[in-house]
Amino acid sequence: MITGLTKGGTEWTPEFVTDLDQAKCIGCGRCYKVCPRDVLDLVERELDDDDEDNDDDNMMVMALANAADCIGCGACGRVCPKGCYTYAAA
């Protein structure tokens, strides 16, 4: 497991994004704006079979574009109003 220290000397274990629940995502872009890396991208939502009666066919949501670039800061999850993110330690 990767651990480090903050500037103040407190131990810190990064948690890397492993999943983004597009069904919860409202496409607000808050996570995209705070991500210091190129991890996220705005894409057209993938419709499930349950979404047949959904009139909003072109809804834009976030997707993990480059999950390997995640540095484990957790900023995306802290600003997400819908709790779309799942994390794991390395």
Protein backbone atom coordinates (compact mmCIF):
# COMPACT_ATOMS: atom_id res chain seq x y z
CA MET A 1 0.00 0.00 0.00
CA ILE A 2 1.24 3.45 -0.90
CA THR A 3 1.44 5.93 1.98
CA GLY A 4 2.99 9.30 2.41
CA LEU A 5 3.08 12.32 4.64
CA THR A 6 1.29 15.63 4.33
CA LYS A 7 3.27 18.85 4.64
CA GLY A 8 2.26 18.90 8.30
CA GLY A 9 3.64 15.40 8.88
CA THR A 10 0.33 13.54 9.03
CA GLU A 11 0.30 10.12 7.37
CA TRP A 12 -1.84 10.03 4.22
CA THR A 13 -2.92 7.07 2.09
CA PRO A 14 -4.19 8.02 -1.38
CA GLU A 15 -7.38 6.38 -2.58
CA PHE A 16 -7.63 6.07 -6.34
CA VAL A 17 -10.88 6.31 -8.29
CA THR A 18 -12.03 2.88 -9.45
CA ASP A 19 -15.56 3.56 -10.67
CA LEU A 20 -17.93 6.34 -11.62
CA ASP A 21 -21.68 5.59 -11.51
CA GLN A 22 -23.04 7.25 -14.67
CA ALA A 23 -26.62 6.45 -13.63
CA LYS A 24 -26.21 8.89 -10.69
CA CYS A 25 -24.16 11.51 -12.58
CA ILE A 26 -25.95 14.74 -13.54
CA GLY A 27 -23.12 16.06 -15.71
CA CYS A 28 -22.52 19.19 -13.63
CA GLY A 29 -18.76 19.16 -14.36
CA ARG A 30 -17.63 20.00 -10.82
CA CYS A 31 -15.36 16.95 -10.68
CA TYR A 32 -13.87 17.75 -14.08
CA LYS A 33 -12.99 21.26 -12.93
CA VAL A 34 -11.20 20.16 -9.74
CA CYS A 35 -9.30 17.17 -11.14
CA PRO A 36 -5.60 18.12 -11.34
CA ARG A 37 -4.96 15.39 -13.93
CA ASP A 38 -6.59 14.29 -17.19
CA VAL A 39 -8.68 11.53 -15.53
CA LEU A 40 -12.22 12.53 -16.52
CA ASP A 41 -14.08 13.30 -19.73
CA LEU A 42 -17.61 14.47 -20.51
CA VAL A 43 -19.40 11.90 -22.70
CA GLU A 44 -22.89 11.09 -23.87
CA ARG A 45 -24.59 8.88 -21.30
CA GLU A 46 -24.81 5.19 -22.15
CA LEU A 47 -28.50 4.26 -21.98
CA ASP A 48 -29.53 1.01 -20.28
CA ASP A 49 -32.51 -1.11 -21.27
CA ASP A 50 -34.35 0.48 -18.32
CA ASP A 51 -33.93 3.93 -19.92
CA GLU A 52 -36.14 3.27 -22.97
CA ASP A 53 -38.72 5.85 -21.91
CA ASN A 54 -36.05 8.47 -21.15
CA ASP A 55 -36.68 11.58 -23.28
CA ASP A 56 -33.20 12.97 -22.55
CA ASP A 57 -31.29 10.82 -25.06
CA ASN A 58 -28.33 13.21 -25.28
CA MET A 59 -27.59 13.63 -21.57
CA MET A 60 -23.90 14.31 -20.98
CA VAL A 61 -22.18 12.71 -17.98
CA MET A 62 -18.65 12.16 -16.71
CA ALA A 63 -16.61 9.07 -17.56
CA LEU A 64 -13.22 7.76 -16.48
CA ALA A 65 -11.08 8.59 -19.48
CA ASN A 66 -7.61 8.00 -17.99
CA ALA A 67 -8.07 6.32 -14.60
CA ALA A 68 -4.38 5.40 -14.55
CA ASP A 69 -3.55 9.14 -14.24
CA CYS A 70 -5.43 9.40 -10.90
CA ILE A 71 -3.16 10.58 -8.07
CA GLY A 72 -5.60 9.62 -5.30
CA CYS A 73 -6.42 13.11 -4.06
CA GLY A 74 -10.20 12.45 -3.87
CA ALA A 75 -11.13 15.95 -5.00
CA CYS A 76 -13.67 14.60 -7.50
CA GLY A 77 -15.65 12.77 -4.83
CA ARG A 78 -15.60 15.70 -2.40
CA VAL A 79 -17.29 18.03 -4.91
CA CYS A 80 -19.69 15.45 -6.39
CA PRO A 81 -23.25 16.30 -5.26
CA LYS A 82 -24.53 12.80 -6.15
CA GLY A 83 -21.82 10.55 -4.66
CA CYS A 84 -20.91 8.95 -7.99
CA TYR A 85 -17.35 7.91 -7.16
CA THR A 86 -15.88 4.71 -5.73
CA TYR A 87 -12.28 4.56 -4.49
CA ALA A 88 -9.69 2.01 -3.40
CA ALA A 89 -6.20 2.22 -1.95
CA ALA A 90 -3.41 0.88 -4.15
